[in-house]
N, C-alpha and C. Protein backbone atom coordinates (compact mmCIF):
# COMPACT_ATOMS: atom_id res chain seq x y z
N MET A 1 -7.25 15.72 -40.95
CA MET A 1 -8.23 15.00 -40.17
C MET A 1 -7.60 13.77 -39.49
N THR A 2 -6.75 13.07 -40.21
CA THR A 2 -6.09 11.89 -39.65
C THR A 2 -5.23 12.27 -38.45
N ARG A 3 -4.52 13.39 -38.56
CA ARG A 3 -3.68 13.84 -37.44
C ARG A 3 -4.53 14.17 -36.22
N LEU A 4 -5.66 14.79 -36.43
CA LEU A 4 -6.56 15.14 -35.34
C LEU A 4 -7.05 13.88 -34.62
N VAL A 5 -7.47 12.89 -35.38
CA VAL A 5 -7.96 11.64 -34.80
C VAL A 5 -6.83 10.95 -34.03
N LEU A 6 -5.64 10.94 -34.59
CA LEU A 6 -4.49 10.33 -33.93
C LEU A 6 -4.17 11.06 -32.63
N ALA A 7 -4.18 12.38 -32.66
CA ALA A 7 -3.88 13.17 -31.47
C ALA A 7 -4.92 12.92 -30.38
N VAL A 8 -6.18 12.91 -30.74
CA VAL A 8 -7.25 12.66 -29.76
C VAL A 8 -7.13 11.25 -29.19
N THR A 9 -6.82 10.29 -30.03
CA THR A 9 -6.65 8.91 -29.58
C THR A 9 -5.51 8.80 -28.57
N LEU A 10 -4.38 9.44 -28.84
CA LEU A 10 -3.25 9.41 -27.91
C LEU A 10 -3.59 10.08 -26.59
N ILE A 11 -4.31 11.18 -26.63
CA ILE A 11 -4.70 11.87 -25.40
C ILE A 11 -5.62 10.99 -24.57
N ILE A 12 -6.60 10.37 -25.20
CA ILE A 12 -7.53 9.50 -24.48
C ILE A 12 -6.79 8.30 -23.89
N TYR A 13 -5.89 7.71 -24.66
CA TYR A 13 -5.12 6.57 -24.17
C TYR A 13 -4.31 6.95 -22.93
N ASN A 14 -3.65 8.09 -22.98
CA ASN A 14 -2.83 8.54 -21.84
C ASN A 14 -3.69 8.84 -20.61
N LEU A 15 -4.84 9.43 -20.81
CA LEU A 15 -5.73 9.71 -19.68
C LEU A 15 -6.25 8.41 -19.06
N LEU A 16 -6.61 7.46 -19.89
CA LEU A 16 -7.07 6.17 -19.37
C LEU A 16 -5.96 5.43 -18.66
N ALA A 17 -4.77 5.48 -19.19
CA ALA A 17 -3.63 4.80 -18.57
C ALA A 17 -3.35 5.39 -17.20
N LEU A 18 -3.41 6.71 -17.08
CA LEU A 18 -3.15 7.36 -15.80
C LEU A 18 -4.24 7.04 -14.79
N SER A 19 -5.50 7.09 -15.21
CA SER A 19 -6.60 6.88 -14.27
C SER A 19 -6.76 5.44 -13.84
N THR A 20 -6.31 4.50 -14.64
CA THR A 20 -6.45 3.09 -14.27
C THR A 20 -5.19 2.52 -13.64
N GLY A 21 -4.14 3.29 -13.57
CA GLY A 21 -2.92 2.83 -12.92
C GLY A 21 -1.99 2.07 -13.84
N VAL A 22 -2.31 1.99 -15.12
CA VAL A 22 -1.43 1.30 -16.06
C VAL A 22 -0.12 2.06 -16.15
N ASN A 23 0.98 1.36 -16.09
CA ASN A 23 2.31 1.95 -16.17
C ASN A 23 2.59 2.92 -15.03
N ALA A 24 1.90 2.78 -13.91
CA ALA A 24 2.13 3.66 -12.77
C ALA A 24 2.76 2.84 -11.64
N SER A 25 3.49 3.52 -10.80
CA SER A 25 4.06 2.88 -9.62
C SER A 25 3.25 3.28 -8.40
N CYS A 26 3.19 2.38 -7.43
CA CYS A 26 2.45 2.65 -6.21
C CYS A 26 3.30 2.33 -4.99
N GLU A 27 3.05 3.06 -3.92
CA GLU A 27 3.62 2.71 -2.62
C GLU A 27 2.67 1.70 -2.01
N ALA A 28 3.24 0.67 -1.42
CA ALA A 28 2.44 -0.41 -0.86
C ALA A 28 2.92 -0.75 0.55
N CYS A 29 2.05 -1.36 1.30
CA CYS A 29 2.42 -1.84 2.63
C CYS A 29 3.31 -3.07 2.51
N PRO A 30 4.28 -3.19 3.39
CA PRO A 30 5.05 -4.44 3.43
C PRO A 30 4.10 -5.61 3.70
N ASN A 31 4.34 -6.76 3.07
CA ASN A 31 3.43 -7.90 3.22
C ASN A 31 3.31 -8.37 4.66
N CYS A 32 4.42 -8.40 5.38
CA CYS A 32 4.41 -8.87 6.77
C CYS A 32 5.29 -7.96 7.61
N ASP A 33 5.05 -7.99 8.94
CA ASP A 33 5.91 -7.21 9.83
C ASP A 33 6.96 -8.13 10.45
N TYR A 34 7.65 -7.66 11.49
CA TYR A 34 8.72 -8.45 12.11
C TYR A 34 8.27 -9.13 13.41
N GLU A 35 6.97 -9.21 13.65
CA GLU A 35 6.48 -9.85 14.87
C GLU A 35 6.12 -11.30 14.54
N GLN A 36 6.87 -12.23 15.07
CA GLN A 36 6.69 -13.64 14.75
C GLN A 36 5.56 -14.25 15.57
N ILE A 37 4.61 -14.89 14.86
CA ILE A 37 3.52 -15.59 15.54
C ILE A 37 4.08 -16.83 16.22
N SER A 38 4.80 -17.61 15.46
CA SER A 38 5.50 -18.79 15.98
C SER A 38 6.53 -19.19 14.93
N PRO A 39 7.52 -19.99 15.32
CA PRO A 39 8.52 -20.41 14.32
C PRO A 39 7.91 -21.16 13.14
N SER A 40 6.85 -21.92 13.40
CA SER A 40 6.25 -22.68 12.30
C SER A 40 5.30 -21.83 11.46
N GLN A 41 4.65 -20.83 12.06
CA GLN A 41 3.70 -20.00 11.32
C GLN A 41 4.36 -18.82 10.62
N GLY A 42 5.42 -18.30 11.19
CA GLY A 42 6.06 -17.12 10.61
C GLY A 42 5.55 -15.84 11.22
N ASN A 43 5.73 -14.74 10.50
CA ASN A 43 5.38 -13.42 11.02
C ASN A 43 3.93 -13.05 10.75
N ALA A 44 3.45 -12.05 11.49
CA ALA A 44 2.11 -11.51 11.26
C ALA A 44 2.11 -10.76 9.92
N CYS A 45 1.04 -10.92 9.15
CA CYS A 45 0.99 -10.32 7.81
C CYS A 45 -0.18 -9.35 7.66
N LEU A 46 -0.12 -8.55 6.62
CA LEU A 46 -1.04 -7.44 6.39
C LEU A 46 -2.50 -7.87 6.36
N ASN A 47 -3.31 -7.19 7.18
CA ASN A 47 -4.75 -7.42 7.18
C ASN A 47 -5.45 -6.35 6.36
N TYR A 48 -5.17 -5.07 6.67
CA TYR A 48 -5.80 -3.97 5.92
C TYR A 48 -4.92 -2.73 5.99
N TRP A 49 -5.25 -1.74 5.15
CA TRP A 49 -4.53 -0.48 5.14
C TRP A 49 -5.52 0.67 5.02
N THR A 50 -5.07 1.87 5.41
CA THR A 50 -5.83 3.10 5.19
C THR A 50 -4.90 4.11 4.52
N CYS A 51 -5.49 5.08 3.86
CA CYS A 51 -4.71 6.12 3.19
C CYS A 51 -5.45 7.45 3.33
N SER A 52 -4.70 8.47 3.74
CA SER A 52 -5.26 9.81 3.88
C SER A 52 -4.16 10.83 3.60
N GLY A 53 -4.43 11.74 2.70
CA GLY A 53 -3.42 12.73 2.33
C GLY A 53 -2.23 12.06 1.71
N ASP A 54 -1.06 12.22 2.32
CA ASP A 54 0.16 11.57 1.80
C ASP A 54 0.65 10.47 2.73
N THR A 55 -0.25 9.93 3.55
CA THR A 55 0.13 8.93 4.54
C THR A 55 -0.64 7.63 4.35
N ILE A 56 0.09 6.52 4.36
CA ILE A 56 -0.55 5.21 4.35
C ILE A 56 -0.27 4.54 5.69
N SER A 57 -1.27 3.85 6.21
CA SER A 57 -1.14 3.11 7.47
C SER A 57 -1.48 1.66 7.20
N CYS A 58 -0.62 0.78 7.69
CA CYS A 58 -0.73 -0.65 7.43
C CYS A 58 -0.99 -1.36 8.76
N TYR A 59 -1.92 -2.31 8.77
CA TYR A 59 -2.33 -2.95 10.02
C TYR A 59 -2.12 -4.46 9.97
N TYR A 60 -1.41 -4.94 11.00
CA TYR A 60 -1.04 -6.34 11.13
C TYR A 60 -1.57 -6.85 12.47
N PRO A 61 -1.98 -8.12 12.58
CA PRO A 61 -2.44 -8.61 13.89
C PRO A 61 -1.30 -8.57 14.90
N SER A 62 -1.62 -8.11 16.11
CA SER A 62 -0.60 -8.01 17.16
C SER A 62 -0.43 -9.35 17.86
N VAL A 63 0.81 -9.78 17.98
CA VAL A 63 1.12 -11.00 18.71
C VAL A 63 1.18 -10.67 20.21
N ALA A 64 1.76 -9.53 20.53
CA ALA A 64 1.91 -9.12 21.94
C ALA A 64 0.57 -8.78 22.59
N ASN A 65 -0.37 -8.25 21.79
CA ASN A 65 -1.68 -7.85 22.31
C ASN A 65 -2.78 -8.50 21.47
N PRO A 66 -3.04 -9.79 21.68
CA PRO A 66 -4.05 -10.50 20.87
C PRO A 66 -5.39 -9.76 20.85
N GLY A 67 -6.04 -9.80 19.71
CA GLY A 67 -7.32 -9.12 19.55
C GLY A 67 -7.18 -7.69 19.06
N THR A 68 -5.94 -7.23 18.84
CA THR A 68 -5.71 -5.87 18.34
C THR A 68 -4.78 -5.94 17.13
N TYR A 69 -4.61 -4.80 16.50
CA TYR A 69 -3.71 -4.69 15.35
C TYR A 69 -2.53 -3.77 15.69
N THR A 70 -1.40 -4.03 15.08
CA THR A 70 -0.25 -3.14 15.14
C THR A 70 -0.30 -2.27 13.90
N GLY A 71 -0.24 -0.95 14.09
CA GLY A 71 -0.27 -0.01 12.97
C GLY A 71 1.11 0.51 12.64
N CYS A 72 1.41 0.57 11.34
CA CYS A 72 2.67 1.11 10.85
C CYS A 72 2.33 2.15 9.80
N SER A 73 2.76 3.39 9.98
CA SER A 73 2.43 4.47 9.04
C SER A 73 3.66 4.97 8.30
N TYR A 74 3.46 5.30 7.04
CA TYR A 74 4.52 5.78 6.15
C TYR A 74 4.00 7.01 5.42
N SER A 75 4.88 7.98 5.16
CA SER A 75 4.44 9.23 4.55
C SER A 75 5.34 9.66 3.40
N ALA A 76 4.71 10.22 2.38
CA ALA A 76 5.46 10.74 1.23
C ALA A 76 6.40 11.86 1.68
N SER A 77 5.95 12.69 2.61
CA SER A 77 6.78 13.81 3.07
C SER A 77 8.02 13.33 3.83
N ALA A 78 8.02 12.07 4.27
CA ALA A 78 9.19 11.48 4.94
C ALA A 78 9.91 10.51 4.01
N ASP A 79 9.66 10.65 2.71
CA ASP A 79 10.27 9.78 1.70
C ASP A 79 9.89 8.31 1.93
N TRP A 80 8.65 8.11 2.36
CA TRP A 80 8.06 6.78 2.60
C TRP A 80 8.76 6.00 3.71
N ALA A 81 9.37 6.74 4.65
CA ALA A 81 9.95 6.11 5.83
C ALA A 81 8.86 5.95 6.89
N LEU A 82 9.10 5.08 7.85
CA LEU A 82 8.17 4.86 8.96
C LEU A 82 8.01 6.16 9.75
N THR A 83 6.76 6.61 9.92
CA THR A 83 6.50 7.84 10.67
C THR A 83 5.76 7.56 11.97
N ALA A 84 5.13 6.40 12.08
CA ALA A 84 4.43 6.02 13.32
C ALA A 84 4.36 4.50 13.39
N GLY A 85 4.51 3.99 14.60
CA GLY A 85 4.48 2.55 14.81
C GLY A 85 5.77 2.08 15.42
N PRO A 86 5.75 0.90 16.02
CA PRO A 86 6.95 0.37 16.69
C PRO A 86 8.05 0.00 15.68
N SER A 87 9.20 0.61 15.83
CA SER A 87 10.30 0.40 14.87
C SER A 87 10.88 -1.01 14.94
N ASP A 88 10.66 -1.72 16.04
CA ASP A 88 11.16 -3.09 16.13
C ASP A 88 10.22 -4.10 15.46
N ILE A 89 9.02 -3.66 15.10
CA ILE A 89 8.04 -4.54 14.45
C ILE A 89 7.78 -4.11 13.00
N CYS A 90 7.70 -2.81 12.76
CA CYS A 90 7.40 -2.29 11.42
C CYS A 90 8.65 -2.22 10.55
N ASP A 91 8.48 -2.37 9.24
CA ASP A 91 9.58 -2.13 8.30
C ASP A 91 9.96 -0.66 8.35
N SER A 92 11.20 -0.36 8.04
CA SER A 92 11.68 1.02 8.05
C SER A 92 11.06 1.86 6.95
N TYR A 93 10.73 1.22 5.82
CA TYR A 93 10.16 1.91 4.67
C TYR A 93 9.00 1.10 4.10
N SER A 94 8.06 1.80 3.46
CA SER A 94 6.99 1.10 2.73
C SER A 94 7.61 0.48 1.48
N GLY A 95 6.83 -0.25 0.74
CA GLY A 95 7.35 -0.91 -0.46
C GLY A 95 6.90 -0.23 -1.73
N LEU A 96 7.71 -0.34 -2.76
CA LEU A 96 7.36 0.21 -4.07
C LEU A 96 6.87 -0.94 -4.95
N ASN A 97 5.70 -0.77 -5.51
CA ASN A 97 5.14 -1.77 -6.41
C ASN A 97 5.10 -1.15 -7.80
N SER A 98 5.81 -1.74 -8.74
CA SER A 98 5.89 -1.16 -10.09
C SER A 98 4.60 -1.33 -10.89
N LYS A 99 3.68 -2.12 -10.39
CA LYS A 99 2.41 -2.30 -11.08
C LYS A 99 1.29 -2.10 -10.07
N CYS A 100 0.57 -1.00 -10.19
CA CYS A 100 -0.51 -0.72 -9.24
C CYS A 100 -1.64 -1.73 -9.43
N GLU A 101 -2.03 -2.32 -8.31
CA GLU A 101 -3.13 -3.27 -8.33
C GLU A 101 -4.22 -2.79 -7.38
N PRO A 102 -5.43 -2.61 -7.88
CA PRO A 102 -6.51 -2.13 -7.01
C PRO A 102 -6.67 -3.03 -5.79
N GLY A 103 -6.84 -2.40 -4.65
CA GLY A 103 -7.02 -3.13 -3.41
C GLY A 103 -5.74 -3.41 -2.66
N ASN A 104 -4.62 -3.49 -3.35
CA ASN A 104 -3.36 -3.83 -2.68
C ASN A 104 -2.41 -2.66 -2.53
N ASP A 105 -2.59 -1.61 -3.29
CA ASP A 105 -1.64 -0.51 -3.29
C ASP A 105 -2.32 0.80 -2.90
N PRO A 106 -2.05 1.29 -1.70
CA PRO A 106 -2.75 2.48 -1.20
C PRO A 106 -2.46 3.79 -1.91
N TYR A 107 -1.24 3.99 -2.42
CA TYR A 107 -0.86 5.32 -2.91
C TYR A 107 -0.27 5.24 -4.31
N ASN A 108 -0.91 5.89 -5.26
CA ASN A 108 -0.46 5.91 -6.65
C ASN A 108 0.48 7.10 -6.85
N LEU A 109 1.73 6.82 -7.15
CA LEU A 109 2.73 7.88 -7.34
C LEU A 109 2.50 8.66 -8.62
N GLY A 110 1.81 8.07 -9.59
CA GLY A 110 1.54 8.75 -10.85
C GLY A 110 0.52 9.86 -10.73
N LEU A 111 -0.39 9.77 -9.76
CA LEU A 111 -1.44 10.78 -9.64
C LEU A 111 -0.94 12.10 -9.06
N PRO A 112 -0.22 12.26 -8.03
CA PRO A 112 -0.07 11.38 -6.87
C PRO A 112 -1.28 11.49 -5.97
N GLY A 113 -1.60 10.38 -5.30
CA GLY A 113 -2.71 10.37 -4.37
C GLY A 113 -3.14 8.98 -3.98
N CYS A 114 -4.03 8.93 -2.99
CA CYS A 114 -4.56 7.66 -2.50
C CYS A 114 -5.38 6.98 -3.58
N THR A 115 -5.27 5.67 -3.65
CA THR A 115 -6.10 4.91 -4.59
C THR A 115 -7.47 4.65 -3.98
N ALA A 116 -7.57 4.68 -2.67
CA ALA A 116 -8.81 4.53 -1.91
C ALA A 116 -8.49 4.94 -0.47
N SER A 117 -9.51 5.07 0.35
CA SER A 117 -9.25 5.44 1.74
C SER A 117 -8.99 4.21 2.61
N TYR A 118 -9.36 3.03 2.11
CA TYR A 118 -9.26 1.80 2.89
C TYR A 118 -9.15 0.62 1.95
N GLY A 119 -8.40 -0.39 2.36
CA GLY A 119 -8.33 -1.61 1.56
C GLY A 119 -8.11 -2.82 2.44
N TYR A 120 -8.94 -3.85 2.27
CA TYR A 120 -8.77 -5.10 3.01
C TYR A 120 -7.92 -6.03 2.13
N VAL A 121 -6.85 -6.58 2.71
CA VAL A 121 -5.96 -7.46 1.95
C VAL A 121 -6.11 -8.90 2.42
N GLY A 122 -6.06 -9.12 3.72
CA GLY A 122 -6.25 -10.45 4.27
C GLY A 122 -5.18 -11.45 3.86
N GLU A 123 -3.92 -11.06 3.99
CA GLU A 123 -2.80 -11.96 3.69
C GLU A 123 -2.84 -13.19 4.60
N TYR A 124 -2.08 -14.21 4.27
CA TYR A 124 -1.87 -15.37 5.15
C TYR A 124 -1.31 -14.84 6.47
N ASN A 125 -1.74 -15.36 7.59
CA ASN A 125 -1.34 -14.90 8.92
C ASN A 125 -1.82 -13.49 9.24
N SER A 126 -2.94 -13.06 8.67
CA SER A 126 -3.39 -11.69 8.89
C SER A 126 -4.60 -11.58 9.82
N GLY A 127 -5.18 -12.69 10.23
CA GLY A 127 -6.35 -12.64 11.11
C GLY A 127 -5.96 -12.32 12.54
N LEU A 128 -6.92 -11.78 13.29
CA LEU A 128 -6.67 -11.46 14.70
C LEU A 128 -6.31 -12.73 15.45
N LEU A 129 -5.39 -12.60 16.38
CA LEU A 129 -4.93 -13.74 17.17
C LEU A 129 -5.73 -13.86 18.46
């Protein structure tokens, strides 16, 4: 009986750990892109992201086109390399976060799958210009 209880406890613990992101790694959007707002302000930073299938898209306020966002997309099938977006503004690869945090990490590698379809981050320098 003790072995059965121990086995069930371990199974439940592992299922909870997987579903809550504990000990899981996530792909995340780079905090900022390479488009500088000004020398004193720094670069444009992440406002929100979307996730669909194996692709995450990260949105930063556009300096060149005020009132719009620059989108940078990364895909698992491309080994998390940039698949869409301006290569002179977007990072070449998405980032790996060793601790999945709800709202900040679009893609959980442990599942694998999207953590949500959309997430608002609102980093410093992330508002529309």
